[in-house]
Amino acid sequence: MTDKADAFTEKYGPWALVAGASVGLGAAFASELAQKGVNVALIARKPGPLGELSADLQRRYNVSVKTIPLDLAAPDMLKTIAAETDDLEIGLLVYNTAYMLIGPFLEHSLDKQLRSIDVNCRGPLTLAHHFGQKMVERKRGGIILMSSLSGLQGAPWLASYGATKAFNIVLAEGLWYELKDEGVDVLVCCAGAIATPNYIASQPVALGGMAPKPLSTEKVAREAVAALGKKHMVVPGRAYRFSSMLLDKFMSRKRRIKIMADSTEKMYGDRLVTIN
């Protein structure tokens, strides 16, 4: 390892916990951390893809990998995770798991809406509280919460998803300030569209024109990890940073809500879509 990788492992190792890690962005986070020499504990619902990723990471980067097949909406999820990680020194938490409902709010069942709160809000809060305590005791560590640009204003046709992502933004900003003097770095990553397998499978219509294109999972993971300890929020991708800045500076909140509504309606029409 390079001196830079050694310093990263010393600050955020020897283990990282990545929630939502079998494919897509979670797998990219796991790879980004493993190549820095950090051992990774991986949480996802499906044991098959978890096992495949574990074998690949061990072969490519010679790190230790622990897999935890688990639904993060489960009421007893913390009990399971705590038992599985009790003997590991988790220096970095990456909460990437997300549950996304696309379409009119009232046409998705209440059970689905409540599941989005369990996965997108209860999950990151619970794990940040559990592992954050241990990090503060050691006076080092890091927490990365994945959020979305849809959380920066109301998101019609993504109403509950945008609301849960706003929760993550505000939670991470508060924790960033509270924990920075305790040696623990907190970052929220506010991403636009990401070319994950689930996103591609949802068959969105391309916006075209000057609209930013979906980012690769590797780029998002790389920029988020690079920003940890340097800032409290990162928007991956130059085009997304530029468009976000323009909207913030020159558009009213009402106008931004309409832009979000128009974009989502063009991409998905009147379809009901669940991305999990």
C-alpha atoms as a PDB file:
ATOM      1  CA  MET A   1       0.000   0.000   0.000  1.00  0.00           C
ATOM      2  CA  THR A   2       1.011   3.605  -0.536  1.00  0.00           C
ATOM      3  CA  ASP A   3       1.552   5.992   2.349  1.00  0.00           C
ATOM      4  CA  LYS A   4      -1.797   7.614   1.479  1.00  0.00           C
ATOM      5  CA  ALA A   5      -3.583   4.256   1.641  1.00  0.00           C
ATOM      6  CA  ASP A   6      -1.841   3.477   4.950  1.00  0.00           C
ATOM      7  CA  ALA A   7      -3.059   6.791   6.387  1.00  0.00           C
ATOM      8  CA  PHE A   8      -6.599   6.077   5.192  1.00  0.00           C
ATOM      9  CA  THR A   9      -6.595   2.643   6.814  1.00  0.00           C
ATOM     10  CA  GLU A  10      -5.186   4.063  10.041  1.00  0.00           C
ATOM     11  CA  LYS A  11      -7.988   6.652  10.177  1.00  0.00           C
ATOM     12  CA  TYR A  12     -10.917   4.585   8.868  1.00  0.00           C
ATOM     13  CA  GLY A  13      -9.854   0.952   9.243  1.00  0.00           C
ATOM     14  CA  PRO A  14      -9.235  -1.795   9.833  1.00  0.00           C
ATOM     15  CA  TRP A  15     -12.844  -2.623   8.877  1.00  0.00           C
ATOM     16  CA  ALA A  16     -15.546  -0.768   6.955  1.00  0.00           C
ATOM     17  CA  LEU A  17     -19.222  -1.698   7.052  1.00  0.00           C
ATOM     18  CA  VAL A  18     -21.054  -1.143   3.760  1.00  0.00           C
ATOM     19  CA  ALA A  19     -24.836  -1.416   3.916  1.00  0.00           C
ATOM     20  CA  GLY A  20     -26.392  -2.288   0.577  1.00  0.00           C
ATOM     21  CA  ALA A  21     -23.258  -3.795  -0.862  1.00  0.00           C
ATOM     22  CA  SER A  22     -23.905  -6.727  -3.172  1.00  0.00           C
ATOM     23  CA  VAL A  23     -24.141  -4.931  -6.548  1.00  0.00           C
ATOM     24  CA  GLY A  24     -24.106  -1.462  -8.049  1.00  0.00           C
ATOM     25  CA  LEU A  25     -22.985   1.464  -5.927  1.00  0.00           C
ATOM     26  CA  GLY A  26     -22.526  -0.612  -2.782  1.00  0.00           C
ATOM     27  CA  ALA A  27     -20.192  -2.970  -4.609  1.00  0.00           C
ATOM     28  CA  ALA A  28     -18.300   0.051  -5.966  1.00  0.00           C
ATOM     29  CA  PHE A  29     -17.880   1.414  -2.432  1.00  0.00           C
ATOM     30  CA  ALA A  30     -16.645  -1.977  -1.244  1.00  0.00           C
ATOM     31  CA  SER A  31     -14.106  -2.141  -4.082  1.00  0.00           C
ATOM     32  CA  GLU A  32     -12.932   1.432  -3.503  1.00  0.00           C
ATOM     33  CA  LEU A  33     -12.297   0.690   0.167  1.00  0.00           C
ATOM     34  CA  ALA A  34     -10.779  -2.754  -0.368  1.00  0.00           C
ATOM     35  CA  GLN A  35      -8.200  -1.401  -2.793  1.00  0.00           C
ATOM     36  CA  LYS A  36      -7.126   0.991  -0.025  1.00  0.00           C
ATOM     37  CA  GLY A  37      -6.444  -2.039   2.162  1.00  0.00           C
ATOM     38  CA  VAL A  38      -9.553  -1.788   4.345  1.00  0.00           C
ATOM     39  CA  ASN A  39     -11.329  -5.024   5.256  1.00  0.00           C
ATOM     40  CA  VAL A  40     -15.038  -4.880   4.465  1.00  0.00           C
ATOM     41  CA  ALA A  41     -18.207  -6.199   6.086  1.00  0.00           C
ATOM     42  CA  LEU A  42     -21.009  -6.281   3.536  1.00  0.00           C
ATOM     43  CA  ILE A  43     -24.752  -6.156   4.191  1.00  0.00           C
ATOM     44  CA  ALA A  44     -27.376  -6.974   1.566  1.00  0.00           C
ATOM     45  CA  ARG A  45     -30.544  -9.015   1.285  1.00  0.00           C
ATOM     46  CA  LYS A  46     -29.387 -11.631  -1.225  1.00  0.00           C
ATOM     47  CA  PRO A  47     -26.617 -14.023  -0.106  1.00  0.00           C
ATOM     48  CA  GLY A  48     -25.717 -15.123  -3.649  1.00  0.00           C
ATOM     49  CA  PRO A  49     -24.452 -11.762  -4.975  1.00  0.00           C
ATOM     50  CA  LEU A  50     -22.858 -11.069  -1.582  1.00  0.00           C
ATOM     51  CA  GLY A  51     -20.810 -14.252  -1.851  1.00  0.00           C
ATOM     52  CA  GLU A  52     -19.728 -13.442  -5.397  1.00  0.00           C
ATOM     53  CA  LEU A  53     -18.586  -9.942  -4.407  1.00  0.00           C
ATOM     54  CA  SER A  54     -16.779 -11.324  -1.351  1.00  0.00           C
ATOM     55  CA  ALA A  55     -14.790 -13.799  -3.430  1.00  0.00           C
ATOM     56  CA  ASP A  56     -13.921 -11.131  -5.996  1.00  0.00           C
ATOM     57  CA  LEU A  57     -12.691  -8.638  -3.385  1.00  0.00           C
ATOM     58  CA  GLN A  58     -10.568 -11.219  -1.604  1.00  0.00           C
ATOM     59  CA  ARG A  59      -9.025 -12.347  -4.870  1.00  0.00           C
ATOM     60  CA  ARG A  60      -8.312  -8.850  -6.209  1.00  0.00           C
ATOM     61  CA  TYR A  61      -7.254  -7.005  -3.062  1.00  0.00           C
ATOM     62  CA  ASN A  62      -6.261  -9.672  -0.522  1.00  0.00           C
ATOM     63  CA  VAL A  63      -8.496  -8.227   2.208  1.00  0.00           C
ATOM     64  CA  SER A  64     -10.762  -9.937   4.705  1.00  0.00           C
ATOM     65  CA  VAL A  65     -14.469  -9.861   3.863  1.00  0.00           C
ATOM     66  CA  LYS A  66     -17.469 -10.672   6.036  1.00  0.00           C
ATOM     67  CA  THR A  67     -20.948 -11.033   4.527  1.00  0.00           C
ATOM     68  CA  ILE A  68     -24.177 -10.371   6.428  1.00  0.00           C
ATOM     69  CA  PRO A  69     -27.328 -11.349   4.481  1.00  0.00           C
ATOM     70  CA  LEU A  70     -30.009  -9.126   5.983  1.00  0.00           C
ATOM     71  CA  ASP A  71     -33.044  -7.000   5.148  1.00  0.00           C
ATOM     72  CA  LEU A  72     -32.324  -3.596   6.683  1.00  0.00           C
ATOM     73  CA  ALA A  73     -36.058  -3.036   7.175  1.00  0.00           C
ATOM     74  CA  ALA A  74     -36.161  -5.911   9.670  1.00  0.00           C
ATOM     75  CA  PRO A  75     -37.204  -4.743  13.155  1.00  0.00           C
ATOM     76  CA  ASP A  76     -34.292  -6.597  14.784  1.00  0.00           C
ATOM     77  CA  MET A  77     -31.687  -5.626  12.210  1.00  0.00           C
ATOM     78  CA  LEU A  78     -29.406  -3.905  14.760  1.00  0.00           C
ATOM     79  CA  LYS A  79     -29.355  -6.997  16.975  1.00  0.00           C
ATOM     80  CA  THR A  80     -28.182  -9.077  14.013  1.00  0.00           C
ATOM     81  CA  ILE A  81     -25.594  -6.558  12.818  1.00  0.00           C
ATOM     82  CA  ALA A  82     -24.216  -5.966  16.309  1.00  0.00           C
ATOM     83  CA  ALA A  83     -23.770  -9.707  16.851  1.00  0.00           C
ATOM     84  CA  GLU A  84     -22.074 -10.152  13.467  1.00  0.00           C
ATOM     85  CA  THR A  85     -19.670  -7.235  13.933  1.00  0.00           C
ATOM     86  CA  ASP A  86     -18.989  -7.377  17.665  1.00  0.00           C
ATOM     87  CA  ASP A  87     -15.486  -8.763  17.106  1.00  0.00           C
ATOM     88  CA  LEU A  88     -14.659  -6.272  14.313  1.00  0.00           C
ATOM     89  CA  GLU A  89     -13.280  -2.768  14.709  1.00  0.00           C
ATOM     90  CA  ILE A  90     -15.520  -0.837  12.316  1.00  0.00           C
ATOM     91  CA  GLY A  91     -13.741   2.397  11.465  1.00  0.00           C
ATOM     92  CA  LEU A  92     -16.019   3.432   8.599  1.00  0.00           C
ATOM     93  CA  LEU A  93     -19.765   3.114   8.024  1.00  0.00           C
ATOM     94  CA  VAL A  94     -21.146   3.564   4.515  1.00  0.00           C
ATOM     95  CA  TYR A  95     -24.952   3.518   4.390  1.00  0.00           C
ATOM     96  CA  ASN A  96     -25.844   3.088   0.749  1.00  0.00           C
ATOM     97  CA  THR A  97     -29.071   1.075   0.937  1.00  0.00           C
ATOM     98  CA  ALA A  98     -32.150   2.875  -0.410  1.00  0.00           C
ATOM     99  CA  TYR A  99     -35.786   2.073  -1.133  1.00  0.00           C
ATOM    100  CA  MET A 100     -37.300   4.229  -3.844  1.00  0.00           C
ATOM    101  CA  LEU A 101     -40.942   4.561  -4.871  1.00  0.00           C
ATOM    102  CA  ILE A 102     -41.600   6.317  -8.180  1.00  0.00           C
ATOM    103  CA  GLY A 103     -45.081   7.456  -9.151  1.00  0.00           C
ATOM    104  CA  PRO A 104     -48.061   9.141  -7.477  1.00  0.00           C
ATOM    105  CA  PHE A 105     -47.726   9.019  -3.685  1.00  0.00           C
ATOM    106  CA  LEU A 106     -51.294   7.823  -3.063  1.00  0.00           C
ATOM    107  CA  GLU A 107     -51.038   4.966  -5.552  1.00  0.00           C
ATOM    108  CA  HIS A 108     -48.237   3.217  -3.641  1.00  0.00           C
ATOM    109  CA  SER A 109     -49.416   1.276  -0.603  1.00  0.00           C
ATOM    110  CA  LEU A 110     -48.912   2.621   2.894  1.00  0.00           C
ATOM    111  CA  ASP A 111     -46.831  -0.457   3.726  1.00  0.00           C
ATOM    112  CA  LYS A 112     -44.383   0.495   0.963  1.00  0.00           C
ATOM    113  CA  GLN A 113     -44.243   4.099   2.147  1.00  0.00           C
ATOM    114  CA  LEU A 114     -43.443   2.968   5.683  1.00  0.00           C
ATOM    115  CA  ARG A 115     -40.799   0.568   4.401  1.00  0.00           C
ATOM    116  CA  SER A 116     -39.044   3.540   2.787  1.00  0.00           C
ATOM    117  CA  ILE A 117     -38.789   5.141   6.245  1.00  0.00           C
ATOM    118  CA  ASP A 118     -37.425   1.921   7.769  1.00  0.00           C
ATOM    119  CA  VAL A 119     -34.755   1.449   5.112  1.00  0.00           C
ATOM    120  CA  ASN A 120     -33.874   5.067   4.306  1.00  0.00           C
ATOM    121  CA  CYS A 121     -34.220   6.718   7.742  1.00  0.00           C
ATOM    122  CA  ARG A 122     -34.342   4.223  10.592  1.00  0.00           C
ATOM    123  CA  GLY A 123     -31.463   2.230   9.098  1.00  0.00           C
ATOM    124  CA  PRO A 124     -28.861   4.988   8.796  1.00  0.00           C
ATOM    125  CA  LEU A 125     -29.855   6.602  12.095  1.00  0.00           C
ATOM    126  CA  THR A 126     -29.607   3.277  13.937  1.00  0.00           C
ATOM    127  CA  LEU A 127     -26.237   2.293  12.504  1.00  0.00           C
ATOM    128  CA  ALA A 128     -24.774   5.797  12.849  1.00  0.00           C
ATOM    129  CA  HIS A 129     -25.779   5.779  16.515  1.00  0.00           C
ATOM    130  CA  HIS A 130     -24.420   2.274  17.201  1.00  0.00           C
ATOM    131  CA  PHE A 131     -21.100   2.569  15.387  1.00  0.00           C
ATOM    132  CA  GLY A 132     -20.707   6.291  16.039  1.00  0.00           C
ATOM    133  CA  GLN A 133     -20.479   5.590  19.773  1.00  0.00           C
ATOM    134  CA  LYS A 134     -17.629   3.154  19.204  1.00  0.00           C
ATOM    135  CA  MET A 135     -15.827   5.578  16.889  1.00  0.00           C
ATOM    136  CA  VAL A 136     -16.045   8.399  19.430  1.00  0.00           C
ATOM    137  CA  GLU A 137     -14.586   6.083  22.090  1.00  0.00           C
ATOM    138  CA  ARG A 138     -11.602   5.443  19.770  1.00  0.00           C
ATOM    139  CA  LYS A 139     -11.402   9.108  18.699  1.00  0.00           C
ATOM    140  CA  ARG A 140     -11.332   8.188  15.017  1.00  0.00           C
ATOM    141  CA  GLY A 141     -13.599   6.954  12.254  1.00  0.00           C
ATOM    142  CA  GLY A 142     -15.944   8.033   9.503  1.00  0.00           C
ATOM    143  CA  ILE A 143     -19.573   7.840   8.390  1.00  0.00           C
ATOM    144  CA  ILE A 144     -20.817   8.267   4.802  1.00  0.00           C
ATOM    145  CA  LEU A 145     -24.571   8.558   4.229  1.00  0.00           C
ATOM    146  CA  MET A 146     -25.821   8.336   0.654  1.00  0.00           C
ATOM    147  CA  SER A 147     -28.469  10.899  -0.172  1.00  0.00           C
ATOM    148  CA  SER A 148     -29.854  12.405  -3.357  1.00  0.00           C
ATOM    149  CA  LEU A 149     -30.364  15.726  -5.071  1.00  0.00           C
ATOM    150  CA  SER A 150     -34.075  14.920  -4.788  1.00  0.00           C
ATOM    151  CA  GLY A 151     -33.718  15.636  -1.068  1.00  0.00           C
ATOM    152  CA  LEU A 152     -32.855  19.300  -1.622  1.00  0.00           C
ATOM    153  CA  GLN A 153     -36.469  20.278  -2.346  1.00  0.00           C
ATOM    154  CA  GLY A 154     -39.863  18.628  -2.753  1.00  0.00           C
ATOM    155  CA  ALA A 155     -39.746  15.806  -5.291  1.00  0.00           C
ATOM    156  CA  PRO A 156     -43.145  15.146  -6.932  1.00  0.00           C
ATOM    157  CA  TRP A 157     -43.592  11.513  -8.018  1.00  0.00           C
ATOM    158  CA  LEU A 158     -40.699  10.722  -5.639  1.00  0.00           C
ATOM    159  CA  ALA A 159     -42.313  12.309  -2.591  1.00  0.00           C
ATOM    160  CA  SER A 160     -41.429   9.819   0.147  1.00  0.00           C
ATOM    161  CA  TYR A 161     -38.008   9.035  -1.333  1.00  0.00           C
ATOM    162  CA  GLY A 162     -37.081  12.722  -1.529  1.00  0.00           C
ATOM    163  CA  ALA A 163     -38.315  13.263   2.020  1.00  0.00           C
ATOM    164  CA  THR A 164     -36.206  10.405   3.388  1.00  0.00           C
ATOM    165  CA  LYS A 165     -33.168  11.695   1.535  1.00  0.00           C
ATOM    166  CA  ALA A 166     -33.716  15.151   3.042  1.00  0.00           C
ATOM    167  CA  PHE A 167     -33.629  13.403   6.438  1.00  0.00           C
ATOM    168  CA  ASN A 168     -30.231  11.939   5.599  1.00  0.00           C
ATOM    169  CA  ILE A 169     -28.840  15.296   4.507  1.00  0.00           C
ATOM    170  CA  VAL A 170     -29.875  17.029   7.718  1.00  0.00           C
ATOM    171  CA  LEU A 171     -28.838  14.079   9.900  1.00  0.00           C
ATOM    172  CA  ALA A 172     -25.372  13.957   8.339  1.00  0.00           C
ATOM    173  CA  GLU A 173     -24.881  17.730   8.566  1.00  0.00           C
ATOM    174  CA  GLY A 174     -25.758  17.697  12.248  1.00  0.00           C
ATOM    175  CA  LEU A 175     -23.498  14.732  12.970  1.00  0.00           C
ATOM    176  CA  TRP A 176     -20.664  16.284  10.958  1.00  0.00           C
ATOM    177  CA  TYR A 177     -20.641  19.246  13.329  1.00  0.00           C
ATOM    178  CA  GLU A 178     -21.209  17.238  16.511  1.00  0.00           C
ATOM    179  CA  LEU A 179     -18.538  14.633  15.861  1.00  0.00           C
ATOM    180  CA  LYS A 180     -15.788  16.561  14.060  1.00  0.00           C
ATOM    181  CA  ASP A 181     -14.049  17.449  17.330  1.00  0.00           C
ATOM    182  CA  GLU A 182     -14.326  13.819  18.445  1.00  0.00           C
ATOM    183  CA  GLY A 183     -12.142  12.591  15.571  1.00  0.00           C
ATOM    184  CA  VAL A 184     -15.057  11.247  13.523  1.00  0.00           C
ATOM    185  CA  ASP A 185     -15.647  12.545   9.985  1.00  0.00           C
ATOM    186  CA  VAL A 186     -19.207  12.554   8.606  1.00  0.00           C
ATOM    187  CA  LEU A 187     -20.123  13.105   4.961  1.00  0.00           C
ATOM    188  CA  VAL A 188     -23.389  13.128   3.042  1.00  0.00           C
ATOM    189  CA  CYS A 189     -23.179  12.300  -0.657  1.00  0.00           C
ATOM    190  CA  CYS A 190     -25.974  13.973  -2.653  1.00  0.00           C
ATOM    191  CA  ALA A 191     -26.014  12.214  -5.986  1.00  0.00           C
ATOM    192  CA  GLY A 192     -28.001  12.661  -9.155  1.00  0.00           C
ATOM    193  CA  ALA A 193     -28.824   9.705 -11.385  1.00  0.00           C
ATOM    194  CA  ILE A 194     -26.444   6.752 -11.021  1.00  0.00           C
ATOM    195  CA  ALA A 195     -26.216   3.927 -13.556  1.00  0.00           C
ATOM    196  CA  THR A 196     -26.866   1.117 -11.068  1.00  0.00           C
ATOM    197  CA  PRO A 197     -28.417  -2.168 -12.220  1.00  0.00           C
ATOM    198  CA  ASN A 198     -31.695  -1.262 -10.471  1.00  0.00           C
ATOM    199  CA  TYR A 199     -31.782   2.188 -12.084  1.00  0.00           C
ATOM    200  CA  ILE A 200     -31.186   0.701 -15.522  1.00  0.00           C
ATOM    201  CA  ALA A 201     -33.833  -1.975 -14.915  1.00  0.00           C
ATOM    202  CA  SER A 202     -36.393   0.754 -14.114  1.00  0.00           C
ATOM    203  CA  GLN A 203     -36.119   1.830 -17.783  1.00  0.00           C
ATOM    204  CA  PRO A 204     -36.079   5.625 -17.387  1.00  0.00           C
ATOM    205  CA  VAL A 205     -36.466   7.705 -20.524  1.00  0.00           C
ATOM    206  CA  ALA A 206     -33.319   9.734 -21.217  1.00  0.00           C
ATOM    207  CA  LEU A 207     -33.852  13.446 -20.627  1.00  0.00           C
ATOM    208  CA  GLY A 208     -31.535  14.460 -23.461  1.00  0.00           C
ATOM    209  CA  GLY A 209     -30.446  18.009 -24.199  1.00  0.00           C
ATOM    210  CA  MET A 210     -28.180  19.571 -21.597  1.00  0.00           C
ATOM    211  CA  ALA A 211     -29.370  17.310 -18.756  1.00  0.00           C
ATOM    212  CA  PRO A 212     -26.518  15.543 -16.925  1.00  0.00           C
ATOM    213  CA  LYS A 213     -26.090  11.880 -17.802  1.00  0.00           C
ATOM    214  CA  PRO A 214     -26.215   9.100 -15.174  1.00  0.00           C
ATOM    215  CA  LEU A 215     -22.885   8.658 -13.410  1.00  0.00           C
ATOM    216  CA  SER A 216     -20.973   5.405 -13.115  1.00  0.00           C
ATOM    217  CA  THR A 217     -21.052   3.732  -9.713  1.00  0.00           C
ATOM    218  CA  GLU A 218     -17.254   3.797  -9.592  1.00  0.00           C
ATOM    219  CA  LYS A 219     -17.138   7.580 -10.052  1.00  0.00           C
ATOM    220  CA  VAL A 220     -19.673   8.216  -7.282  1.00  0.00           C
ATOM    221  CA  ALA A 221     -17.910   5.922  -4.816  1.00  0.00           C
ATOM    222  CA  ARG A 222     -14.491   7.364  -5.655  1.00  0.00           C
ATOM    223  CA  GLU A 223     -15.588  10.993  -5.244  1.00  0.00           C
ATOM    224  CA  ALA A 224     -17.452  10.285  -2.012  1.00  0.00           C
ATOM    225  CA  VAL A 225     -14.538   8.465  -0.392  1.00  0.00           C
ATOM    226  CA  ALA A 226     -12.102  11.167  -1.555  1.00  0.00           C
ATOM    227  CA  ALA A 227     -14.287  13.889   0.040  1.00  0.00           C
ATOM    228  CA  LEU A 228     -14.482  12.201   3.455  1.00  0.00           C
ATOM    229  CA  GLY A 229     -12.721  14.331   6.057  1.00  0.00           C
ATOM    230  CA  LYS A 230     -12.491  17.304   3.696  1.00  0.00           C
ATOM    231  CA  LYS A 231     -16.102  18.541   3.562  1.00  0.00           C
ATOM    232  CA  HIS A 232     -19.520  17.735   4.968  1.00  0.00           C
ATOM    233  CA  MET A 233     -21.334  17.304   1.643  1.00  0.00           C
ATOM    234  CA  VAL A 234     -20.322  16.227  -1.831  1.00  0.00           C
ATOM    235  CA  VAL A 235     -22.257  16.249  -5.105  1.00  0.00           C
ATOM    236  CA  PRO A 236     -20.511  13.780  -7.445  1.00  0.00           C
ATOM    237  CA  GLY A 237     -19.998  14.719 -11.074  1.00  0.00           C
ATOM    238  CA  ARG A 238     -19.075  18.143 -12.439  1.00  0.00           C
ATOM    239  CA  ALA A 239     -22.309  18.510 -14.431  1.00  0.00           C
ATOM    240  CA  TYR A 240     -24.461  17.712 -11.399  1.00  0.00           C
ATOM    241  CA  ARG A 241     -22.482  20.125  -9.212  1.00  0.00           C
ATOM    242  CA  PHE A 242     -22.920  22.878 -11.785  1.00  0.00           C
ATOM    243  CA  SER A 243     -26.653  22.291 -12.315  1.00  0.00           C
ATOM    244  CA  SER A 244     -27.247  22.045  -8.559  1.00  0.00           C
ATOM    245  CA  MET A 245     -25.425  25.337  -8.033  1.00  0.00           C
ATOM    246  CA  LEU A 246     -27.482  27.064 -10.738  1.00  0.00           C
ATOM    247  CA  LEU A 247     -30.759  25.805  -9.324  1.00  0.00           C
ATOM    248  CA  ASP A 248     -29.805  26.876  -5.810  1.00  0.00           C
ATOM    249  CA  LYS A 249     -28.662  30.366  -6.782  1.00  0.00           C
ATOM    250  CA  PHE A 250     -31.091  31.334  -9.526  1.00  0.00           C
ATOM    251  CA  MET A 251     -34.284  29.322  -9.064  1.00  0.00           C
ATOM    252  CA  SER A 252     -36.963  29.734  -6.435  1.00  0.00           C
ATOM    253  CA  ARG A 253     -37.831  26.658  -4.388  1.00  0.00           C
ATOM    254  CA  LYS A 254     -41.208  26.505  -6.158  1.00  0.00           C
ATOM    255  CA  ARG A 255     -39.480  26.502  -9.541  1.00  0.00           C
ATOM    256  CA  ARG A 256     -37.059  23.783  -8.448  1.00  0.00           C
ATOM    257  CA  ILE A 257     -39.968  21.593  -7.377  1.00  0.00           C
ATOM    258  CA  LYS A 258     -41.549  21.989 -10.819  1.00  0.00           C
ATOM    259  CA  ILE A 259     -38.273  21.134 -12.561  1.00  0.00           C
ATOM    260  CA  MET A 260     -38.006  17.996 -10.443  1.00  0.00           C
ATOM    261  CA  ALA A 261     -41.623  17.091 -11.264  1.00  0.00           C
ATOM    262  CA  ASP A 262     -41.167  17.624 -15.003  1.00  0.00           C
ATOM    263  CA  SER A 263     -37.969  15.570 -15.111  1.00  0.00           C
ATOM    264  CA  THR A 264     -39.402  12.611 -13.205  1.00  0.00           C
ATOM    265  CA  GLU A 265     -42.633  12.660 -15.218  1.00  0.00           C
ATOM    266  CA  LYS A 266     -40.691  12.622 -18.478  1.00  0.00           C
ATOM    267  CA  MET A 267     -38.486   9.759 -17.304  1.00  0.00           C
ATOM    268  CA  TYR A 268     -41.263   7.517 -15.942  1.00  0.00           C
ATOM    269  CA  GLY A 269     -44.602   8.829 -17.138  1.00  0.00           C
ATOM    270  CA  ASP A 270     -47.469   7.427 -15.084  1.00  0.00           C
ATOM    271  CA  ARG A 271     -45.714   4.147 -14.225  1.00  0.00           C
ATOM    272  CA  LEU A 272     -45.465   2.891 -10.662  1.00  0.00           C
ATOM    273  CA  VAL A 273     -41.876   1.766 -10.036  1.00  0.00           C
ATOM    274  CA  THR A 274     -40.153   0.354  -6.965  1.00  0.00           C
ATOM    275  CA  ILE A 275     -36.354   0.419  -6.814  1.00  0.00           C
ATOM    276  CA  ASN A 276     -34.922  -1.600  -3.939  1.00  0.00           C
END
